[in-house]
Amino acid sequence: MTEQHLTREQLYFELLENAKGFKTYSAWRRKAYNEYRKAMRRGWHKQIVKEAGLQILATPRTYEECKAIASQYKTRGEWYRKDHTTYYYARQRGWIELIGIPKGKAGRPQH
């Protein structure tokens, strides 16, 4: 059934079922962006997040929390790719060098 043939209630429950396939709000937003946008445009996203039981992951607040998260990665590049929110948070506060995760190898070949 296409969206134009669904009633508002049917569309709501379709979006809710879609969201239930994810554990976190950010995963739903990233991996099912079209469905997320439909819910946003209709003002349903907060209610769907609540009803689907999606976790909303908080940004770490302390140096120790950032360091603990960063310690899961071998290089800064891996940390950035897998958890860019925490990486940027630490970078904005000048903690990148203090945390001590190595830069890793350069992405481009050296001439």
PDB file of N, CA and C in Angstrom:
ATOM      1  N   MET A   1       0.842  -1.179   0.000  1.00  0.00           N
ATOM      2  CA  MET A   1       0.000   0.000   0.000  1.00  0.00           C
ATOM      3  C   MET A   1       0.886   1.241   0.000  1.00  0.00           C
ATOM      4  N   THR A   2       0.602   2.194  -0.840  1.00  0.00           N
ATOM      5  CA  THR A   2       1.404   3.407  -0.867  1.00  0.00           C
ATOM      6  C   THR A   2       0.935   4.363   0.214  1.00  0.00           C
ATOM      7  N   GLU A   3       1.782   5.338   0.506  1.00  0.00           N
ATOM      8  CA  GLU A   3       1.484   6.294   1.575  1.00  0.00           C
ATOM      9  C   GLU A   3       0.189   7.045   1.323  1.00  0.00           C
ATOM     10  N   GLN A   4      -0.084   7.405   0.065  1.00  0.00           N
ATOM     11  CA  GLN A   4      -1.288   8.183  -0.211  1.00  0.00           C
ATOM     12  C   GLN A   4      -2.574   7.389   0.006  1.00  0.00           C
ATOM     13  N   HIS A   5      -2.477   6.063   0.068  1.00  0.00           N
ATOM     14  CA  HIS A   5      -3.657   5.235   0.293  1.00  0.00           C
ATOM     15  C   HIS A   5      -3.834   4.827   1.750  1.00  0.00           C
ATOM     16  N   LEU A   6      -2.889   5.192   2.597  1.00  0.00           N
ATOM     17  CA  LEU A   6      -2.984   4.862   4.012  1.00  0.00           C
ATOM     18  C   LEU A   6      -3.734   5.965   4.758  1.00  0.00           C
ATOM     19  N   THR A   7      -4.512   5.563   5.740  1.00  0.00           N
ATOM     20  CA  THR A   7      -5.123   6.562   6.618  1.00  0.00           C
ATOM     21  C   THR A   7      -4.031   7.082   7.556  1.00  0.00           C
ATOM     22  N   ARG A   8      -4.295   8.173   8.221  1.00  0.00           N
ATOM     23  CA  ARG A   8      -3.315   8.711   9.181  1.00  0.00           C
ATOM     24  C   ARG A   8      -2.967   7.667  10.237  1.00  0.00           C
ATOM     25  N   GLU A   9      -3.971   6.966  10.711  1.00  0.00           N
ATOM     26  CA  GLU A   9      -3.742   5.961  11.746  1.00  0.00           C
ATOM     27  C   GLU A   9      -2.887   4.810  11.211  1.00  0.00           C
ATOM     28  N   GLN A  10      -3.170   4.351  10.002  1.00  0.00           N
ATOM     29  CA  GLN A  10      -2.379   3.272   9.403  1.00  0.00           C
ATOM     30  C   GLN A  10      -0.925   3.699   9.211  1.00  0.00           C
ATOM     31  N   LEU A  11      -0.719   4.920   8.744  1.00  0.00           N
ATOM     32  CA  LEU A  11       0.635   5.419   8.541  1.00  0.00           C
ATOM     33  C   LEU A  11       1.370   5.525   9.870  1.00  0.00           C
ATOM     34  N   TYR A  12       0.693   6.023  10.889  1.00  0.00           N
ATOM     35  CA  TYR A  12       1.306   6.131  12.212  1.00  0.00           C
ATOM     36  C   TYR A  12       1.788   4.762  12.689  1.00  0.00           C
ATOM     37  N   PHE A  13       0.920   3.753  12.595  1.00  0.00           N
ATOM     38  CA  PHE A  13       1.298   2.425  13.081  1.00  0.00           C
ATOM     39  C   PHE A  13       2.365   1.778  12.211  1.00  0.00           C
ATOM     40  N   GLU A  14       2.384   2.096  10.933  1.00  0.00           N
ATOM     41  CA  GLU A  14       3.452   1.605  10.057  1.00  0.00           C
ATOM     42  C   GLU A  14       4.797   2.211  10.477  1.00  0.00           C
ATOM     43  N   LEU A  15       4.820   3.497  10.770  1.00  0.00           N
ATOM     44  CA  LEU A  15       6.045   4.160  11.212  1.00  0.00           C
ATOM     45  C   LEU A  15       6.472   3.662  12.594  1.00  0.00           C
ATOM     46  N   LEU A  16       5.510   3.415  13.457  1.00  0.00           N
ATOM     47  CA  LEU A  16       5.801   2.887  14.785  1.00  0.00           C
ATOM     48  C   LEU A  16       6.440   1.503  14.676  1.00  0.00           C
ATOM     49  N   GLU A  17       5.882   0.640  13.838  1.00  0.00           N
ATOM     50  CA  GLU A  17       6.448  -0.701  13.649  1.00  0.00           C
ATOM     51  C   GLU A  17       7.860  -0.617  13.085  1.00  0.00           C
ATOM     52  N   ASN A  18       8.075   0.312  12.170  1.00  0.00           N
ATOM     53  CA  ASN A  18       9.414   0.508  11.616  1.00  0.00           C
ATOM     54  C   ASN A  18      10.391   0.888  12.723  1.00  0.00           C
ATOM     55  N   ALA A  19      10.014   1.822  13.571  1.00  0.00           N
ATOM     56  CA  ALA A  19      10.889   2.296  14.649  1.00  0.00           C
ATOM     57  C   ALA A  19      11.189   1.190  15.655  1.00  0.00           C
ATOM     58  N   LYS A  20      10.260   0.278  15.870  1.00  0.00           N
ATOM     59  CA  LYS A  20      10.467  -0.810  16.827  1.00  0.00           C
ATOM     60  C   LYS A  20      11.587  -1.753  16.396  1.00  0.00           C
ATOM     61  N   GLY A  21      12.009  -1.651  15.143  1.00  0.00           N
ATOM     62  CA  GLY A  21      13.106  -2.478  14.658  1.00  0.00           C
ATOM     63  C   GLY A  21      14.480  -1.960  15.061  1.00  0.00           C
ATOM     64  N   PHE A  22      14.530  -0.877  15.820  1.00  0.00           N
ATOM     65  CA  PHE A  22      15.793  -0.272  16.230  1.00  0.00           C
ATOM     66  C   PHE A  22      15.854  -0.145  17.738  1.00  0.00           C
ATOM     67  N   LYS A  23      17.068  -0.119  18.269  1.00  0.00           N
ATOM     68  CA  LYS A  23      17.249   0.028  19.712  1.00  0.00           C
ATOM     69  C   LYS A  23      17.351   1.485  20.137  1.00  0.00           C
ATOM     70  N   THR A  24      17.920   2.330  19.259  1.00  0.00           N
ATOM     71  CA  THR A  24      18.139   3.723  19.644  1.00  0.00           C
ATOM     72  C   THR A  24      17.491   4.686  18.650  1.00  0.00           C
ATOM     73  N   TYR A  25      17.228   5.879  19.140  1.00  0.00           N
ATOM     74  CA  TYR A  25      16.676   6.943  18.322  1.00  0.00           C
ATOM     75  C   TYR A  25      17.611   7.286  17.171  1.00  0.00           C
ATOM     76  N   SER A  26      18.903   7.379  17.467  1.00  0.00           N
ATOM     77  CA  SER A  26      19.854   7.766  16.422  1.00  0.00           C
ATOM     78  C   SER A  26      19.969   6.691  15.345  1.00  0.00           C
ATOM     79  N   ALA A  27      19.870   5.420  15.718  1.00  0.00           N
ATOM     80  CA  ALA A  27      19.915   4.345  14.711  1.00  0.00           C
ATOM     81  C   ALA A  27      18.692   4.421  13.807  1.00  0.00           C
ATOM     82  N   TRP A  28      17.534   4.670  14.363  1.00  0.00           N
ATOM     83  CA  TRP A  28      16.313   4.813  13.555  1.00  0.00           C
ATOM     84  C   TRP A  28      16.455   5.986  12.598  1.00  0.00           C
ATOM     85  N   ARG A  29      16.947   7.111  13.111  1.00  0.00           N
ATOM     86  CA  ARG A  29      17.099   8.309  12.290  1.00  0.00           C
ATOM     87  C   ARG A  29      18.084   8.077  11.145  1.00  0.00           C
ATOM     88  N   ARG A  30      19.192   7.386  11.420  1.00  0.00           N
ATOM     89  CA  ARG A  30      20.210   7.156  10.384  1.00  0.00           C
ATOM     90  C   ARG A  30      19.804   6.091   9.373  1.00  0.00           C
ATOM     91  N   LYS A  31      19.270   4.989   9.854  1.00  0.00           N
ATOM     92  CA  LYS A  31      19.046   3.826   8.985  1.00  0.00           C
ATOM     93  C   LYS A  31      17.670   3.778   8.337  1.00  0.00           C
ATOM     94  N   ALA A  32      16.723   4.521   8.863  1.00  0.00           N
ATOM     95  CA  ALA A  32      15.378   4.581   8.266  1.00  0.00           C
ATOM     96  C   ALA A  32      14.987   6.050   8.131  1.00  0.00           C
ATOM     97  N   TYR A  33      15.843   6.801   7.472  1.00  0.00           N
ATOM     98  CA  TYR A  33      15.684   8.250   7.420  1.00  0.00           C
ATOM     99  C   TYR A  33      14.343   8.673   6.817  1.00  0.00           C
ATOM    100  N   ASN A  34      13.891   8.015   5.755  1.00  0.00           N
ATOM    101  CA  ASN A  34      12.618   8.405   5.131  1.00  0.00           C
ATOM    102  C   ASN A  34      11.447   8.248   6.090  1.00  0.00           C
ATOM    103  N   GLU A  35      11.431   7.145   6.824  1.00  0.00           N
ATOM    104  CA  GLU A  35      10.355   6.936   7.791  1.00  0.00           C
ATOM    105  C   GLU A  35      10.451   7.950   8.934  1.00  0.00           C
ATOM    106  N   TYR A  36      11.674   8.196   9.372  1.00  0.00           N
ATOM    107  CA  TYR A  36      11.892   9.198  10.420  1.00  0.00           C
ATOM    108  C   TYR A  36      11.370  10.563   9.968  1.00  0.00           C
ATOM    109  N   ARG A  37      11.691  10.959   8.737  1.00  0.00           N
ATOM    110  CA  ARG A  37      11.240  12.257   8.203  1.00  0.00           C
ATOM    111  C   ARG A  37       9.714  12.332   8.103  1.00  0.00           C
ATOM    112  N   LYS A  38       9.081  11.231   7.710  1.00  0.00           N
ATOM    113  CA  LYS A  38       7.616  11.222   7.658  1.00  0.00           C
ATOM    114  C   LYS A  38       7.041  11.504   9.047  1.00  0.00           C
ATOM    115  N   ALA A  39       7.616  10.857  10.050  1.00  0.00           N
ATOM    116  CA  ALA A  39       7.147  11.070  11.424  1.00  0.00           C
ATOM    117  C   ALA A  39       7.425  12.506  11.876  1.00  0.00           C
ATOM    118  N   MET A  40       8.588  13.031  11.508  1.00  0.00           N
ATOM    119  CA  MET A  40       8.930  14.417  11.866  1.00  0.00           C
ATOM    120  C   MET A  40       7.949  15.404  11.237  1.00  0.00           C
ATOM    121  N   ARG A  41       7.697  15.240   9.940  1.00  0.00           N
ATOM    122  CA  ARG A  41       6.805  16.178   9.236  1.00  0.00           C
ATOM    123  C   ARG A  41       5.410  16.201   9.840  1.00  0.00           C
ATOM    124  N   ARG A  42       5.006  15.094  10.389  1.00  0.00           N
ATOM    125  CA  ARG A  42       3.657  15.016  10.967  1.00  0.00           C
ATOM    126  C   ARG A  42       3.634  15.309  12.475  1.00  0.00           C
ATOM    127  N   GLY A  43       4.812  15.537  13.052  1.00  0.00           N
ATOM    128  CA  GLY A  43       4.887  15.832  14.482  1.00  0.00           C
ATOM    129  C   GLY A  43       4.722  14.607  15.366  1.00  0.00           C
ATOM    130  N   TRP A  44       4.959  13.428  14.817  1.00  0.00           N
ATOM    131  CA  TRP A  44       4.754  12.181  15.559  1.00  0.00           C
ATOM    132  C   TRP A  44       6.035  11.604  16.134  1.00  0.00           C
ATOM    133  N   HIS A  45       7.186  12.113  15.761  1.00  0.00           N
ATOM    134  CA  HIS A  45       8.443  11.453  16.085  1.00  0.00           C
ATOM    135  C   HIS A  45       8.662  11.260  17.586  1.00  0.00           C
ATOM    136  N   LYS A  46       8.346  12.241  18.407  1.00  0.00           N
ATOM    137  CA  LYS A  46       8.564  12.101  19.854  1.00  0.00           C
ATOM    138  C   LYS A  46       7.682  11.003  20.448  1.00  0.00           C
ATOM    139  N   GLN A  47       6.424  10.960  20.002  1.00  0.00           N
ATOM    140  CA  GLN A  47       5.513   9.936  20.495  1.00  0.00           C
ATOM    141  C   GLN A  47       5.944   8.548  20.026  1.00  0.00           C
ATOM    142  N   ILE A  48       6.405   8.445  18.785  1.00  0.00           N
ATOM    143  CA  ILE A  48       6.860   7.157  18.256  1.00  0.00           C
ATOM    144  C   ILE A  48       8.097   6.683  19.014  1.00  0.00           C
ATOM    145  N   VAL A  49       9.030   7.590  19.276  1.00  0.00           N
ATOM    146  CA  VAL A  49      10.233   7.234  20.037  1.00  0.00           C
ATOM    147  C   VAL A  49       9.830   6.691  21.412  1.00  0.00           C
ATOM    148  N   LYS A  50       8.881   7.355  22.042  1.00  0.00           N
ATOM    149  CA  LYS A  50       8.409   6.933  23.369  1.00  0.00           C
ATOM    150  C   LYS A  50       7.718   5.569  23.298  1.00  0.00           C
ATOM    151  N   GLU A  51       6.787   5.407  22.365  1.00  0.00           N
ATOM    152  CA  GLU A  51       6.037   4.154  22.265  1.00  0.00           C
ATOM    153  C   GLU A  51       6.895   2.981  21.808  1.00  0.00           C
ATOM    154  N   ALA A  52       7.884   3.250  20.953  1.00  0.00           N
ATOM    155  CA  ALA A  52       8.756   2.180  20.462  1.00  0.00           C
ATOM    156  C   ALA A  52       9.821   1.813  21.495  1.00  0.00           C
ATOM    157  N   GLY A  53       9.963   2.636  22.537  1.00  0.00           N
ATOM    158  CA  GLY A  53      10.945   2.361  23.580  1.00  0.00           C
ATOM    159  C   GLY A  53      12.384   2.576  23.121  1.00  0.00           C
ATOM    160  N   LEU A  54      12.576   3.514  22.199  1.00  0.00           N
ATOM    161  CA  LEU A  54      13.917   3.774  21.693  1.00  0.00           C
ATOM    162  C   LEU A  54      14.737   4.528  22.737  1.00  0.00           C
ATOM    163  N   GLN A  55      15.980   4.111  22.904  1.00  0.00           N
ATOM    164  CA  GLN A  55      16.880   4.796  23.823  1.00  0.00           C
ATOM    165  C   GLN A  55      17.407   6.062  23.162  1.00  0.00           C
ATOM    166  N   ILE A  56      17.519   7.095  23.938  1.00  0.00           N
ATOM    167  CA  ILE A  56      18.143   8.320  23.467  1.00  0.00           C
ATOM    168  C   ILE A  56      19.483   8.405  24.180  1.00  0.00           C
ATOM    169  N   LEU A  57      20.544   8.228  23.392  1.00  0.00           N
ATOM    170  CA  LEU A  57      21.879   8.198  23.970  1.00  0.00           C
ATOM    171  C   LEU A  57      22.364   9.618  24.238  1.00  0.00           C
ATOM    172  N   ALA A  58      22.803   9.840  25.441  1.00  0.00           N
ATOM    173  CA  ALA A  58      23.268  11.161  25.833  1.00  0.00           C
ATOM    174  C   ALA A  58      24.737  11.345  25.455  1.00  0.00           C
ATOM    175  N   THR A  59      25.093  12.568  25.133  1.00  0.00           N
ATOM    176  CA  THR A  59      26.487  12.904  24.879  1.00  0.00           C
ATOM    177  C   THR A  59      27.225  12.877  26.214  1.00  0.00           C
ATOM    178  N   PRO A  60      28.418  12.285  26.255  1.00  0.00           N
ATOM    179  CA  PRO A  60      29.154  12.265  27.522  1.00  0.00           C
ATOM    180  C   PRO A  60      29.444  13.688  28.001  1.00  0.00           C
ATOM    181  N   ARG A  61      29.521  13.856  29.281  1.00  0.00           N
ATOM    182  CA  ARG A  61      29.693  15.195  29.836  1.00  0.00           C
ATOM    183  C   ARG A  61      31.090  15.435  30.414  1.00  0.00           C
ATOM    184  N   THR A  62      31.828  14.387  30.700  1.00  0.00           N
ATOM    185  CA  THR A  62      33.111  14.570  31.369  1.00  0.00           C
ATOM    186  C   THR A  62      34.263  14.023  30.535  1.00  0.00           C
ATOM    187  N   TYR A  63      35.462  14.454  30.892  1.00  0.00           N
ATOM    188  CA  TYR A  63      36.686  13.972  30.257  1.00  0.00           C
ATOM    189  C   TYR A  63      36.799  12.459  30.442  1.00  0.00           C
ATOM    190  N   GLU A  64      36.508  11.976  31.647  1.00  0.00           N
ATOM    191  CA  GLU A  64      36.623  10.552  31.945  1.00  0.00           C
ATOM    192  C   GLU A  64      35.685   9.711  31.075  1.00  0.00           C
ATOM    193  N   GLU A  65      34.454  10.209  30.842  1.00  0.00           N
ATOM    194  CA  GLU A  65      33.511   9.486  29.982  1.00  0.00           C
ATOM    195  C   GLU A  65      34.024   9.430  28.544  1.00  0.00           C
ATOM    196  N   CYS A  66      34.537  10.533  28.048  1.00  0.00           N
ATOM    197  CA  CYS A  66      35.089  10.560  26.683  1.00  0.00           C
ATOM    198  C   CYS A  66      36.281   9.624  26.565  1.00  0.00           C
ATOM    199  N   LYS A  67      37.144   9.642  27.568  1.00  0.00           N
ATOM    200  CA  LYS A  67      38.339   8.787  27.535  1.00  0.00           C
ATOM    201  C   LYS A  67      37.948   7.311  27.553  1.00  0.00           C
ATOM    202  N   ALA A  68      36.953   6.958  28.335  1.00  0.00           N
ATOM    203  CA  ALA A  68      36.492   5.569  28.397  1.00  0.00           C
ATOM    204  C   ALA A  68      35.940   5.115  27.042  1.00  0.00           C
ATOM    205  N   ILE A  69      35.198   5.985  26.391  1.00  0.00           N
ATOM    206  CA  ILE A  69      34.653   5.655  25.072  1.00  0.00           C
ATOM    207  C   ILE A  69      35.773   5.554  24.052  1.00  0.00           C
ATOM    208  N   ALA A  70      36.693   6.508  24.068  1.00  0.00           N
ATOM    209  CA  ALA A  70      37.796   6.525  23.106  1.00  0.00           C
ATOM    210  C   ALA A  70      38.700   5.316  23.261  1.00  0.00           C
ATOM    211  N   SER A  71      38.825   4.798  24.464  1.00  0.00           N
ATOM    212  CA  SER A  71      39.722   3.660  24.699  1.00  0.00           C
ATOM    213  C   SER A  71      39.255   2.381  23.986  1.00  0.00           C
ATOM    214  N   GLN A  72      38.043   2.383  23.474  1.00  0.00           N
ATOM    215  CA  GLN A  72      37.521   1.223  22.734  1.00  0.00           C
ATOM    216  C   GLN A  72      38.079   1.151  21.315  1.00  0.00           C
ATOM    217  N   TYR A  73      38.765   2.208  20.869  1.00  0.00           N
ATOM    218  CA  TYR A  73      39.229   2.301  19.488  1.00  0.00           C
ATOM    219  C   TYR A  73      40.749   2.361  19.428  1.00  0.00           C
ATOM    220  N   LYS A  74      41.310   1.815  18.332  1.00  0.00           N
ATOM    221  CA  LYS A  74      42.763   1.773  18.176  1.00  0.00           C
ATOM    222  C   LYS A  74      43.340   3.080  17.659  1.00  0.00           C
ATOM    223  N   THR A  75      42.596   3.786  16.824  1.00  0.00           N
ATOM    224  CA  THR A  75      43.088   5.040  16.249  1.00  0.00           C
ATOM    225  C   THR A  75      42.015   6.117  16.347  1.00  0.00           C
ATOM    226  N   ARG A  76      42.446   7.365  16.148  1.00  0.00           N
ATOM    227  CA  ARG A  76      41.492   8.469  16.139  1.00  0.00           C
ATOM    228  C   ARG A  76      40.510   8.343  14.978  1.00  0.00           C
ATOM    229  N   GLY A  77      41.009   7.863  13.845  1.00  0.00           N
ATOM    230  CA  GLY A  77      40.146   7.689  12.679  1.00  0.00           C
ATOM    231  C   GLY A  77      39.022   6.700  12.943  1.00  0.00           C
ATOM    232  N   GLU A  78      39.349   5.600  13.599  1.00  0.00           N
ATOM    233  CA  GLU A  78      38.323   4.607  13.950  1.00  0.00           C
ATOM    234  C   GLU A  78      37.328   5.206  14.937  1.00  0.00           C
ATOM    235  N   TRP A  79      37.846   5.929  15.923  1.00  0.00           N
ATOM    236  CA  TRP A  79      36.978   6.589  16.910  1.00  0.00           C
ATOM    237  C   TRP A  79      36.034   7.544  16.195  1.00  0.00           C
ATOM    238  N   TYR A  80      36.567   8.378  15.303  1.00  0.00           N
ATOM    239  CA  TYR A  80      35.742   9.331  14.555  1.00  0.00           C
ATOM    240  C   TYR A  80      34.669   8.618  13.729  1.00  0.00           C
ATOM    241  N   ARG A  81      35.050   7.565  13.007  1.00  0.00           N
ATOM    242  CA  ARG A  81      34.092   6.856  12.139  1.00  0.00           C
ATOM    243  C   ARG A  81      32.987   6.160  12.923  1.00  0.00           C
ATOM    244  N   LYS A  82      33.327   5.619  14.067  1.00  0.00           N
ATOM    245  CA  LYS A  82      32.351   4.815  14.810  1.00  0.00           C
ATOM    246  C   LYS A  82      31.588   5.593  15.878  1.00  0.00           C
ATOM    247  N   ASP A  83      32.112   6.733  16.303  1.00  0.00           N
ATOM    248  CA  ASP A  83      31.422   7.537  17.327  1.00  0.00           C
ATOM    249  C   ASP A  83      31.822   9.005  17.178  1.00  0.00           C
ATOM    250  N   HIS A  84      31.417   9.592  16.052  1.00  0.00           N
ATOM    251  CA  HIS A  84      31.842  10.964  15.766  1.00  0.00           C
ATOM    252  C   HIS A  84      31.293  11.987  16.771  1.00  0.00           C
ATOM    253  N   THR A  85      30.175  11.697  17.392  1.00  0.00           N
ATOM    254  CA  THR A  85      29.607  12.631  18.365  1.00  0.00           C
ATOM    255  C   THR A  85      30.562  12.832  19.540  1.00  0.00           C
ATOM    256  N   THR A  86      31.047  11.726  20.094  1.00  0.00           N
ATOM    257  CA  THR A  86      31.979  11.813  21.215  1.00  0.00           C
ATOM    258  C   THR A  86      33.307  12.408  20.774  1.00  0.00           C
ATOM    259  N   TYR A  87      33.760  12.038  19.575  1.00  0.00           N
ATOM    260  CA  TYR A  87      35.015  12.571  19.049  1.00  0.00           C
ATOM    261  C   TYR A  87      34.951  14.103  18.966  1.00  0.00           C
ATOM    262  N   TYR A  88      33.887  14.621  18.366  1.00  0.00           N
ATOM    263  CA  TYR A  88      33.754  16.076  18.242  1.00  0.00           C
ATOM    264  C   TYR A  88      33.604  16.763  19.598  1.00  0.00           C
ATOM    265  N   TYR A  89      32.890  16.118  20.492  1.00  0.00           N
ATOM    266  CA  TYR A  89      32.715  16.678  21.831  1.00  0.00           C
ATOM    267  C   TYR A  89      34.082  16.856  22.498  1.00  0.00           C
ATOM    268  N   ALA A  90      34.923  15.807  22.411  1.00  0.00           N
ATOM    269  CA  ALA A  90      36.269  15.863  22.992  1.00  0.00           C
ATOM    270  C   ALA A  90      37.130  16.883  22.248  1.00  0.00           C
ATOM    271  N   ARG A  91      36.990  16.939  20.951  1.00  0.00           N
ATOM    272  CA  ARG A  91      37.788  17.873  20.144  1.00  0.00           C
ATOM    273  C   ARG A  91      37.455  19.331  20.494  1.00  0.00           C
ATOM    274  N   GLN A  92      36.170  19.622  20.656  1.00  0.00           N
ATOM    275  CA  GLN A  92      35.747  20.980  20.990  1.00  0.00           C
ATOM    276  C   GLN A  92      36.314  21.443  22.333  1.00  0.00           C
ATOM    277  N   ARG A  93      36.577  20.506  23.214  1.00  0.00           N
ATOM    278  CA  ARG A  93      37.083  20.847  24.545  1.00  0.00           C
ATOM    279  C   ARG A  93      38.598  20.722  24.658  1.00  0.00           C
ATOM    280  N   GLY A  94      39.253  20.364  23.540  1.00  0.00           N
ATOM    281  CA  GLY A  94      40.709  20.248  23.545  1.00  0.00           C
ATOM    282  C   GLY A  94      41.232  19.007  24.234  1.00  0.00           C
ATOM    283  N   TRP A  95      40.435  17.945  24.293  1.00  0.00           N
ATOM    284  CA  TRP A  95      40.811  16.733  25.005  1.00  0.00           C
ATOM    285  C   TRP A  95      41.450  15.668  24.121  1.00  0.00           C
ATOM    286  N   ILE A  96      41.457  15.840  22.815  1.00  0.00           N
ATOM    287  CA  ILE A  96      41.944  14.803  21.905  1.00  0.00           C
ATOM    288  C   ILE A  96      43.377  14.396  22.247  1.00  0.00           C
ATOM    289  N   GLU A  97      44.270  15.367  22.377  1.00  0.00           N
ATOM    290  CA  GLU A  97      45.672  15.061  22.699  1.00  0.00           C
ATOM    291  C   GLU A  97      45.793  14.457  24.097  1.00  0.00           C
ATOM    292  N   LEU A  98      45.016  14.954  25.039  1.00  0.00           N
ATOM    293  CA  LEU A  98      45.076  14.434  26.412  1.00  0.00           C
ATOM    294  C   LEU A  98      44.621  12.980  26.497  1.00  0.00           C
ATOM    295  N   ILE A  99      43.621  12.636  25.708  1.00  0.00           N
ATOM    296  CA  ILE A  99      43.090  11.270  25.728  1.00  0.00           C
ATOM    297  C   ILE A  99      44.129  10.288  25.207  1.00  0.00           C
ATOM    298  N   GLY A 100      44.927  10.725  24.217  1.00  0.00           N
ATOM    299  CA  GLY A 100      46.085   9.933  23.806  1.00  0.00           C
ATOM    300  C   GLY A 100      45.834   8.797  22.837  1.00  0.00           C
ATOM    301  N   ILE A 101      44.746   8.829  22.094  1.00  0.00           N
ATOM    302  CA  ILE A 101      44.526   7.813  21.066  1.00  0.00           C
ATOM    303  C   ILE A 101      45.427   8.172  19.884  1.00  0.00           C
ATOM    304  N   PRO A 102      46.210   7.208  19.366  1.00  0.00           N
ATOM    305  CA  PRO A 102      47.117   7.534  18.259  1.00  0.00           C
ATOM    306  C   PRO A 102      46.382   7.897  16.978  1.00  0.00           C
ATOM    307  N   LYS A 103      47.059   8.710  16.153  1.00  0.00           N
ATOM    308  CA  LYS A 103      46.467   9.148  14.892  1.00  0.00           C
ATOM    309  C   LYS A 103      46.325   8.017  13.893  1.00  0.00           C
ATOM    310  N   GLY A 104      47.203   7.060  13.905  1.00  0.00           N
ATOM    311  CA  GLY A 104      47.154   5.985  12.914  1.00  0.00           C
ATOM    312  C   GLY A 104      47.872   6.404  11.652  1.00  0.00           C
ATOM    313  N   LYS A 105      47.794   5.567  10.640  1.00  0.00           N
ATOM    314  CA  LYS A 105      48.472   5.846   9.383  1.00  0.00           C
ATOM    315  C   LYS A 105      47.672   6.828   8.557  1.00  0.00           C
ATOM    316  N   ALA A 106      48.385   7.629   7.755  1.00  0.00           N
ATOM    317  CA  ALA A 106      47.725   8.582   6.863  1.00  0.00           C
ATOM    318  C   ALA A 106      46.963   7.821   5.796  1.00  0.00           C
ATOM    319  N   GLY A 107      45.846   8.394   5.363  1.00  0.00           N
ATOM    320  CA  GLY A 107      45.003   7.742   4.375  1.00  0.00           C
ATOM    321  C   GLY A 107      45.563   7.791   2.968  1.00  0.00           C
ATOM    322  N   ARG A 108      46.439   8.745   2.670  1.00  0.00           N
ATOM    323  CA  ARG A 108      46.979   8.895   1.320  1.00  0.00           C
ATOM    324  C   ARG A 108      48.409   8.371   1.261  1.00  0.00           C
ATOM    325  N   PRO A 109      48.789   7.781   0.157  1.00  0.00           N
ATOM    326  CA  PRO A 109      50.180   7.326   0.023  1.00  0.00           C
ATOM    327  C   PRO A 109      51.118   8.522  -0.033  1.00  0.00           C
ATOM    328  N   GLN A 110      52.295   8.363   0.557  1.00  0.00           N
ATOM    329  CA  GLN A 110      53.288   9.431   0.570  1.00  0.00           C
ATOM    330  C   GLN A 110      54.151   9.342  -0.681  1.00  0.00           C
ATOM    331  N   HIS A 111      54.438  10.474  -1.318  1.00  0.00           N
ATOM    332  CA  HIS A 111      55.282  10.491  -2.506  1.00  0.00           C
ATOM    333  C   HIS A 111      56.672  10.950  -2.167  1.00  0.00           C
TER     334      HIS A 111
END
